[in-house]
Amino acid sequence: MTRVFLLEDDADICNLITRSLESYGVMVECFQLQADFQRAIERQRPDLCLIDLSLPDGDGLNLLRQGRLPEDLPRIIVSGRGSISDRILGLEIGADDYVVKPFEPRELIARVRAVLRRSEGAGRNPDSLPGQTATFGDWTADFDACVLTHRSGDVVELSSAEAELLQVFVKAPGRVLSRNQLLDATTGRSVDPFDRSMDARISRLRRKLRDDPRSPKIIRTVYGAGYVFSASPAKADEI
């Protein structure tokens, strides 16, 4: 059974989320304090985490910002802080999605299921599937393992969302992809005109690729149109 850990100090929100997810066969464990939440993860890793930001023992963003969660553990921020700056910051520091309160339970369920699908797709047993890898420039991407390997030997971990986004780019080298196309390909939903979440994800991916944001060479911005992957894959297996 899928297990979700929820970090939320509002009992009513905890009950709402628990009822909603359990109706779809998801087991939910609720925590009010970051310390209890982290200890639970160390004892038994969940399939996904839902994290509030305004908590009695500090800002939930610190869990992401300070790298206190496993890199490949899917996480969704669920918060009443819905400004564009908060949402972009949350995505830039590692959230796979960001849901603003108040929310429609069906939307939260859809977001949870989408993130779990991405995570399960990235974590499939490599012995039973063809290797999903691509080499471009100085990098080799392993989409199954969610890692980048630099020609120097440095290894950089990717979140499942970052691995999926990079795979979309690798499949379409030299082609301009709009934010709407990228969001649809990675989450299955269309973009809000004021939603800059995809820009934040690309910014995070560029940093991991060491792609200078002032003059990117791998993922270039085409102003008014979208983004283009400029590093032609030298080798691609089953992507």
C-alpha atoms as a PDB file:
ATOM      1  CA  MET A   1       0.000   0.000   0.000  1.00  0.00           C
ATOM      2  CA  THR A   2       1.211   3.500  -0.845  1.00  0.00           C
ATOM      3  CA  ARG A   3       2.349   5.383   2.254  1.00  0.00           C
ATOM      4  CA  VAL A   4       2.313   9.193   2.517  1.00  0.00           C
ATOM      5  CA  PHE A   5       3.791  11.225   5.381  1.00  0.00           C
ATOM      6  CA  LEU A   6       2.002  14.517   6.015  1.00  0.00           C
ATOM      7  CA  LEU A   7       3.699  17.348   7.925  1.00  0.00           C
ATOM      8  CA  GLU A   8       0.822  19.631   8.941  1.00  0.00           C
ATOM      9  CA  ASP A   9      -0.101  21.248  12.279  1.00  0.00           C
ATOM     10  CA  ASP A  10      -3.742  21.999  11.439  1.00  0.00           C
ATOM     11  CA  ALA A  11      -5.872  19.056  12.617  1.00  0.00           C
ATOM     12  CA  ASP A  12      -8.722  19.871  10.226  1.00  0.00           C
ATOM     13  CA  ILE A  13      -6.387  19.888   7.214  1.00  0.00           C
ATOM     14  CA  CYS A  14      -4.813  16.637   8.415  1.00  0.00           C
ATOM     15  CA  ASN A  15      -8.224  15.010   8.633  1.00  0.00           C
ATOM     16  CA  LEU A  16      -9.293  16.318   5.218  1.00  0.00           C
ATOM     17  CA  ILE A  17      -6.143  15.080   3.475  1.00  0.00           C
ATOM     18  CA  THR A  18      -6.203  11.761   5.312  1.00  0.00           C
ATOM     19  CA  ARG A  19      -9.839  11.067   4.383  1.00  0.00           C
ATOM     20  CA  SER A  20      -9.283  12.099   0.778  1.00  0.00           C
ATOM     21  CA  LEU A  21      -6.189   9.962   0.196  1.00  0.00           C
ATOM     22  CA  GLU A  22      -7.355   6.946   2.191  1.00  0.00           C
ATOM     23  CA  SER A  23     -10.451   6.799  -0.006  1.00  0.00           C
ATOM     24  CA  TYR A  24      -8.000   5.979  -2.834  1.00  0.00           C
ATOM     25  CA  GLY A  25      -6.168   3.326  -0.839  1.00  0.00           C
ATOM     26  CA  VAL A  26      -3.308   5.554   0.338  1.00  0.00           C
ATOM     27  CA  MET A  27      -2.110   5.227   3.939  1.00  0.00           C
ATOM     28  CA  VAL A  28      -1.440   8.616   5.560  1.00  0.00           C
ATOM     29  CA  GLU A  29       0.598   9.340   8.697  1.00  0.00           C
ATOM     30  CA  CYS A  30       0.346  12.872  10.118  1.00  0.00           C
ATOM     31  CA  PHE A  31       3.033  14.817  11.984  1.00  0.00           C
ATOM     32  CA  GLN A  32       2.884  18.281  13.534  1.00  0.00           C
ATOM     33  CA  LEU A  33       6.602  18.782  14.208  1.00  0.00           C
ATOM     34  CA  GLN A  34       9.551  18.629  11.845  1.00  0.00           C
ATOM     35  CA  ALA A  35      11.643  16.654  14.341  1.00  0.00           C
ATOM     36  CA  ASP A  36       9.017  13.882  14.605  1.00  0.00           C
ATOM     37  CA  PHE A  37       8.585  13.913  10.831  1.00  0.00           C
ATOM     38  CA  GLN A  38      12.324  13.441  10.186  1.00  0.00           C
ATOM     39  CA  ARG A  39      12.675  10.681  12.777  1.00  0.00           C
ATOM     40  CA  ALA A  40       9.789   8.806  11.156  1.00  0.00           C
ATOM     41  CA  ILE A  41      11.441   9.055   7.711  1.00  0.00           C
ATOM     42  CA  GLU A  42      14.677   7.663   9.141  1.00  0.00           C
ATOM     43  CA  ARG A  43      12.772   4.687  10.563  1.00  0.00           C
ATOM     44  CA  GLN A  44      10.597   3.971   7.532  1.00  0.00           C
ATOM     45  CA  ARG A  45      10.771   5.766   4.223  1.00  0.00           C
ATOM     46  CA  PRO A  46       7.365   6.768   2.767  1.00  0.00           C
ATOM     47  CA  ASP A  47       6.470   6.849  -0.924  1.00  0.00           C
ATOM     48  CA  LEU A  48       5.774  10.601  -0.837  1.00  0.00           C
ATOM     49  CA  CYS A  49       5.731  13.536   1.586  1.00  0.00           C
ATOM     50  CA  LEU A  50       3.265  16.407   1.877  1.00  0.00           C
ATOM     51  CA  ILE A  51       4.821  19.383   3.659  1.00  0.00           C
ATOM     52  CA  ASP A  52       3.231  22.499   5.116  1.00  0.00           C
ATOM     53  CA  LEU A  53       5.449  25.566   5.497  1.00  0.00           C
ATOM     54  CA  SER A  54       4.151  27.379   8.580  1.00  0.00           C
ATOM     55  CA  LEU A  55       4.896  24.973  11.432  1.00  0.00           C
ATOM     56  CA  PRO A  56       5.241  25.308  15.227  1.00  0.00           C
ATOM     57  CA  ASP A  57       8.954  24.445  15.144  1.00  0.00           C
ATOM     58  CA  GLY A  58      10.019  26.423  12.088  1.00  0.00           C
ATOM     59  CA  ASP A  59       9.576  26.958   8.370  1.00  0.00           C
ATOM     60  CA  GLY A  60       8.958  23.792   6.361  1.00  0.00           C
ATOM     61  CA  LEU A  61      11.100  25.232   3.575  1.00  0.00           C
ATOM     62  CA  ASN A  62      14.152  24.503   5.743  1.00  0.00           C
ATOM     63  CA  LEU A  63      13.567  20.781   5.286  1.00  0.00           C
ATOM     64  CA  LEU A  64      14.098  21.248   1.567  1.00  0.00           C
ATOM     65  CA  ARG A  65      16.603  24.092   1.638  1.00  0.00           C
ATOM     66  CA  GLN A  66      18.977  22.342   4.060  1.00  0.00           C
ATOM     67  CA  GLY A  67      18.797  18.968   2.326  1.00  0.00           C
ATOM     68  CA  ARG A  68      17.281  17.201   5.332  1.00  0.00           C
ATOM     69  CA  LEU A  69      15.226  14.829   3.154  1.00  0.00           C
ATOM     70  CA  PRO A  70      16.525  12.091   0.838  1.00  0.00           C
ATOM     71  CA  GLU A  71      17.129  13.657  -2.577  1.00  0.00           C
ATOM     72  CA  ASP A  72      14.947  11.159  -4.435  1.00  0.00           C
ATOM     73  CA  LEU A  73      12.039  11.234  -1.971  1.00  0.00           C
ATOM     74  CA  PRO A  74       9.050  12.820  -3.773  1.00  0.00           C
ATOM     75  CA  ARG A  75       7.649  15.830  -1.935  1.00  0.00           C
ATOM     76  CA  ILE A  76       4.739  18.225  -2.460  1.00  0.00           C
ATOM     77  CA  ILE A  77       4.372  21.499  -0.579  1.00  0.00           C
ATOM     78  CA  VAL A  78       0.815  22.135   0.662  1.00  0.00           C
ATOM     79  CA  SER A  79       0.648  25.676   2.012  1.00  0.00           C
ATOM     80  CA  GLY A  80      -1.487  28.750   2.460  1.00  0.00           C
ATOM     81  CA  ARG A  81       1.463  30.810   1.217  1.00  0.00           C
ATOM     82  CA  GLY A  82       0.443  31.120  -2.398  1.00  0.00           C
ATOM     83  CA  SER A  83       2.463  34.040  -3.739  1.00  0.00           C
ATOM     84  CA  ILE A  84       4.403  33.519  -6.950  1.00  0.00           C
ATOM     85  CA  SER A  85       7.691  34.072  -5.075  1.00  0.00           C
ATOM     86  CA  ASP A  86       6.854  31.394  -2.479  1.00  0.00           C
ATOM     87  CA  ARG A  87       5.814  28.896  -5.137  1.00  0.00           C
ATOM     88  CA  ILE A  88       8.902  29.480  -7.260  1.00  0.00           C
ATOM     89  CA  LEU A  89      11.191  29.238  -4.215  1.00  0.00           C
ATOM     90  CA  GLY A  90       9.579  25.968  -3.143  1.00  0.00           C
ATOM     91  CA  LEU A  91      10.049  24.437  -6.583  1.00  0.00           C
ATOM     92  CA  GLU A  92      13.590  25.769  -6.933  1.00  0.00           C
ATOM     93  CA  ILE A  93      14.718  24.104  -3.716  1.00  0.00           C
ATOM     94  CA  GLY A  94      13.324  20.706  -4.566  1.00  0.00           C
ATOM     95  CA  ALA A  95       9.534  20.398  -4.318  1.00  0.00           C
ATOM     96  CA  ASP A  96       7.982  18.233  -7.045  1.00  0.00           C
ATOM     97  CA  ASP A  97       4.763  20.257  -6.883  1.00  0.00           C
ATOM     98  CA  TYR A  98       3.164  23.060  -4.891  1.00  0.00           C
ATOM     99  CA  VAL A  99      -0.498  23.067  -3.838  1.00  0.00           C
ATOM    100  CA  VAL A 100      -2.024  26.232  -2.381  1.00  0.00           C
ATOM    101  CA  LYS A 101      -4.639  26.140   0.413  1.00  0.00           C
ATOM    102  CA  PRO A 102      -7.562  26.133   0.268  1.00  0.00           C
ATOM    103  CA  PHE A 103      -7.540  23.343  -2.291  1.00  0.00           C
ATOM    104  CA  GLU A 104     -10.048  21.051  -3.922  1.00  0.00           C
ATOM    105  CA  PRO A 105      -9.382  17.527  -2.552  1.00  0.00           C
ATOM    106  CA  ARG A 106      -9.693  16.015  -6.024  1.00  0.00           C
ATOM    107  CA  GLU A 107      -6.948  18.321  -7.279  1.00  0.00           C
ATOM    108  CA  LEU A 108      -4.636  17.278  -4.438  1.00  0.00           C
ATOM    109  CA  ILE A 109      -5.318  13.607  -5.192  1.00  0.00           C
ATOM    110  CA  ALA A 110      -4.533  14.200  -8.876  1.00  0.00           C
ATOM    111  CA  ARG A 111      -1.284  15.982  -8.003  1.00  0.00           C
ATOM    112  CA  VAL A 112      -0.247  13.205  -5.608  1.00  0.00           C
ATOM    113  CA  ARG A 113      -0.976  10.524  -8.170  1.00  0.00           C
ATOM    114  CA  ALA A 114       0.963  12.411 -10.887  1.00  0.00           C
ATOM    115  CA  VAL A 115       4.056  12.783  -8.686  1.00  0.00           C
ATOM    116  CA  LEU A 116       3.863   9.123  -7.643  1.00  0.00           C
ATOM    117  CA  ARG A 117       3.625   8.064 -11.307  1.00  0.00           C
ATOM    118  CA  ARG A 118       6.743  10.078 -12.133  1.00  0.00           C
ATOM    119  CA  SER A 119       8.570   8.641  -9.142  1.00  0.00           C
ATOM    120  CA  GLU A 120       7.600   5.059  -9.929  1.00  0.00           C
ATOM    121  CA  GLY A 121       8.601   5.519 -13.566  1.00  0.00           C
ATOM    122  CA  ALA A 122      12.024   6.817 -12.541  1.00  0.00           C
ATOM    123  CA  GLY A 123      12.587   4.074  -9.982  1.00  0.00           C
ATOM    124  CA  ARG A 124      11.708   0.954 -11.968  1.00  0.00           C
ATOM    125  CA  ASN A 125      13.936  -2.087 -11.591  1.00  0.00           C
ATOM    126  CA  PRO A 126      16.888  -1.532 -13.955  1.00  0.00           C
ATOM    127  CA  ASP A 127      17.461  -5.307 -14.292  1.00  0.00           C
ATOM    128  CA  SER A 128      14.041  -5.742 -15.907  1.00  0.00           C
ATOM    129  CA  LEU A 129      14.115  -2.817 -18.310  1.00  0.00           C
ATOM    130  CA  PRO A 130      16.385  -1.470 -21.040  1.00  0.00           C
ATOM    131  CA  GLY A 131      18.705   1.243 -19.737  1.00  0.00           C
ATOM    132  CA  GLN A 132      17.257   4.700 -20.214  1.00  0.00           C
ATOM    133  CA  THR A 133      20.356   6.825 -20.672  1.00  0.00           C
ATOM    134  CA  ALA A 134      21.587   9.668 -22.853  1.00  0.00           C
ATOM    135  CA  THR A 135      24.975  11.322 -23.280  1.00  0.00           C
ATOM    136  CA  PHE A 136      25.273  14.986 -24.282  1.00  0.00           C
ATOM    137  CA  GLY A 137      28.129  17.432 -23.901  1.00  0.00           C
ATOM    138  CA  ASP A 138      30.000  16.630 -20.691  1.00  0.00           C
ATOM    139  CA  TRP A 139      27.110  14.703 -19.167  1.00  0.00           C
ATOM    140  CA  THR A 140      25.547  11.255 -19.139  1.00  0.00           C
ATOM    141  CA  ALA A 141      21.988  11.098 -17.778  1.00  0.00           C
ATOM    142  CA  ASP A 142      20.571   7.910 -16.287  1.00  0.00           C
ATOM    143  CA  PHE A 143      16.823   8.471 -16.194  1.00  0.00           C
ATOM    144  CA  ASP A 144      16.102   5.249 -14.292  1.00  0.00           C
ATOM    145  CA  ALA A 145      18.504   6.056 -11.472  1.00  0.00           C
ATOM    146  CA  CYS A 146      17.771   9.817 -11.567  1.00  0.00           C
ATOM    147  CA  VAL A 147      21.447  10.771 -11.758  1.00  0.00           C
ATOM    148  CA  LEU A 148      23.750  12.833 -13.935  1.00  0.00           C
ATOM    149  CA  THR A 149      27.393  11.836 -14.322  1.00  0.00           C
ATOM    150  CA  HIS A 150      29.916  14.448 -15.463  1.00  0.00           C
ATOM    151  CA  ARG A 151      32.899  13.370 -17.566  1.00  0.00           C
ATOM    152  CA  SER A 152      35.066  14.320 -14.574  1.00  0.00           C
ATOM    153  CA  GLY A 153      33.337  11.573 -12.593  1.00  0.00           C
ATOM    154  CA  ASP A 154      31.159  13.878 -10.493  1.00  0.00           C
ATOM    155  CA  VAL A 155      27.687  12.472  -9.853  1.00  0.00           C
ATOM    156  CA  VAL A 156      24.668  14.758  -9.409  1.00  0.00           C
ATOM    157  CA  GLU A 157      21.353  13.442  -8.111  1.00  0.00           C
ATOM    158  CA  LEU A 158      18.095  14.488  -9.780  1.00  0.00           C
ATOM    159  CA  SER A 159      14.593  14.461  -8.407  1.00  0.00           C
ATOM    160  CA  SER A 160      12.106  12.339 -10.358  1.00  0.00           C
ATOM    161  CA  ALA A 161      10.530  15.540 -11.726  1.00  0.00           C
ATOM    162  CA  GLU A 162      13.915  16.869 -12.894  1.00  0.00           C
ATOM    163  CA  ALA A 163      14.787  13.549 -14.544  1.00  0.00           C
ATOM    164  CA  GLU A 164      11.472  13.500 -16.381  1.00  0.00           C
ATOM    165  CA  LEU A 165      11.872  17.116 -17.533  1.00  0.00           C
ATOM    166  CA  LEU A 166      15.394  16.462 -18.801  1.00  0.00           C
ATOM    167  CA  GLN A 167      14.180  13.374 -20.646  1.00  0.00           C
ATOM    168  CA  VAL A 168      11.525  15.450 -22.425  1.00  0.00           C
ATOM    169  CA  PHE A 169      14.249  17.852 -23.590  1.00  0.00           C
ATOM    170  CA  VAL A 170      16.602  15.058 -24.685  1.00  0.00           C
ATOM    171  CA  LYS A 171      13.854  13.557 -26.840  1.00  0.00           C
ATOM    172  CA  ALA A 172      13.454  16.862 -28.735  1.00  0.00           C
ATOM    173  CA  PRO A 173      16.911  18.390 -29.335  1.00  0.00           C
ATOM    174  CA  GLY A 174      16.865  21.676 -31.241  1.00  0.00           C
ATOM    175  CA  ARG A 175      13.093  22.004 -30.970  1.00  0.00           C
ATOM    176  CA  VAL A 176      11.488  24.931 -29.162  1.00  0.00           C
ATOM    177  CA  LEU A 177       9.165  23.667 -26.413  1.00  0.00           C
ATOM    178  CA  SER A 178       6.716  26.048 -24.790  1.00  0.00           C
ATOM    179  CA  ARG A 179       6.066  26.095 -21.034  1.00  0.00           C
ATOM    180  CA  ASN A 180       2.632  24.662 -21.766  1.00  0.00           C
ATOM    181  CA  GLN A 181       4.104  21.742 -23.750  1.00  0.00           C
ATOM    182  CA  LEU A 182       6.632  21.012 -21.012  1.00  0.00           C
ATOM    183  CA  LEU A 183       4.054  21.168 -18.233  1.00  0.00           C
ATOM    184  CA  ASP A 184       1.652  18.956 -20.162  1.00  0.00           C
ATOM    185  CA  ALA A 185       4.394  16.413 -20.902  1.00  0.00           C
ATOM    186  CA  THR A 186       5.576  16.210 -17.284  1.00  0.00           C
ATOM    187  CA  THR A 187       2.424  16.738 -15.225  1.00  0.00           C
ATOM    188  CA  GLY A 188      -0.475  16.312 -17.649  1.00  0.00           C
ATOM    189  CA  ARG A 189      -1.950  19.720 -16.868  1.00  0.00           C
ATOM    190  CA  SER A 190      -2.025  22.984 -18.786  1.00  0.00           C
ATOM    191  CA  VAL A 191      -0.257  26.117 -17.639  1.00  0.00           C
ATOM    192  CA  ASP A 192      -1.814  29.095 -15.917  1.00  0.00           C
ATOM    193  CA  PRO A 193      -0.706  32.352 -17.627  1.00  0.00           C
ATOM    194  CA  PHE A 194       0.802  33.500 -14.315  1.00  0.00           C
ATOM    195  CA  ASP A 195       2.305  30.141 -13.346  1.00  0.00           C
ATOM    196  CA  ARG A 196       6.106  30.303 -13.437  1.00  0.00           C
ATOM    197  CA  SER A 197       6.664  26.879 -11.863  1.00  0.00           C
ATOM    198  CA  MET A 198       8.181  25.448 -15.042  1.00  0.00           C
ATOM    199  CA  ASP A 199      10.670  28.331 -15.185  1.00  0.00           C
ATOM    200  CA  ALA A 200      11.694  27.476 -11.623  1.00  0.00           C
ATOM    201  CA  ARG A 201      12.195  23.800 -12.476  1.00  0.00           C
ATOM    202  CA  ILE A 202      14.309  24.662 -15.496  1.00  0.00           C
ATOM    203  CA  SER A 203      16.387  27.043 -13.382  1.00  0.00           C
ATOM    204  CA  ARG A 204      17.031  24.218 -10.897  1.00  0.00           C
ATOM    205  CA  LEU A 205      17.922  21.794 -13.699  1.00  0.00           C
ATOM    206  CA  ARG A 206      20.320  24.307 -15.252  1.00  0.00           C
ATOM    207  CA  ARG A 207      22.154  24.660 -11.941  1.00  0.00           C
ATOM    208  CA  LYS A 208      22.641  20.906 -11.743  1.00  0.00           C
ATOM    209  CA  LEU A 209      23.887  20.855 -15.353  1.00  0.00           C
ATOM    210  CA  ARG A 210      26.277  23.740 -14.522  1.00  0.00           C
ATOM    211  CA  ASP A 211      24.599  25.691 -17.307  1.00  0.00           C
ATOM    212  CA  ASP A 212      25.354  29.401 -16.776  1.00  0.00           C
ATOM    213  CA  PRO A 213      21.917  31.064 -16.323  1.00  0.00           C
ATOM    214  CA  ARG A 214      23.255  34.307 -17.810  1.00  0.00           C
ATOM    215  CA  SER A 215      24.300  32.560 -21.010  1.00  0.00           C
ATOM    216  CA  PRO A 216      22.984  28.977 -21.010  1.00  0.00           C
ATOM    217  CA  LYS A 217      24.415  26.563 -23.578  1.00  0.00           C
ATOM    218  CA  ILE A 218      22.398  23.423 -22.831  1.00  0.00           C
ATOM    219  CA  ILE A 219      18.858  24.668 -22.154  1.00  0.00           C
ATOM    220  CA  ARG A 220      18.431  28.003 -23.914  1.00  0.00           C
ATOM    221  CA  THR A 221      15.543  30.423 -23.469  1.00  0.00           C
ATOM    222  CA  VAL A 222      13.731  31.487 -26.620  1.00  0.00           C
ATOM    223  CA  TYR A 223      12.008  34.655 -25.457  1.00  0.00           C
ATOM    224  CA  GLY A 224       8.298  34.666 -26.064  1.00  0.00           C
ATOM    225  CA  ALA A 225       8.319  31.046 -27.208  1.00  0.00           C
ATOM    226  CA  GLY A 226       9.806  28.691 -24.618  1.00  0.00           C
ATOM    227  CA  TYR A 227      12.991  26.665 -24.265  1.00  0.00           C
ATOM    228  CA  VAL A 228      15.234  24.656 -26.556  1.00  0.00           C
ATOM    229  CA  PHE A 229      17.653  21.835 -25.715  1.00  0.00           C
ATOM    230  CA  SER A 230      20.818  22.764 -27.615  1.00  0.00           C
ATOM    231  CA  ALA A 231      23.125  19.884 -26.652  1.00  0.00           C
ATOM    232  CA  SER A 232      22.506  17.143 -29.215  1.00  0.00           C
ATOM    233  CA  PRO A 233      22.600  13.726 -27.534  1.00  0.00           C
ATOM    234  CA  ALA A 234      25.663  11.800 -28.716  1.00  0.00           C
ATOM    235  CA  LYS A 235      24.106   8.564 -27.511  1.00  0.00           C
ATOM    236  CA  ALA A 236      20.611   7.676 -26.432  1.00  0.00           C
ATOM    237  CA  ASP A 237      19.295   4.275 -25.364  1.00  0.00           C
ATOM    238  CA  GLU A 238      15.577   3.608 -25.070  1.00  0.00           C
ATOM    239  CA  ILE A 239      14.628   7.183 -24.285  1.00  0.00           C
END
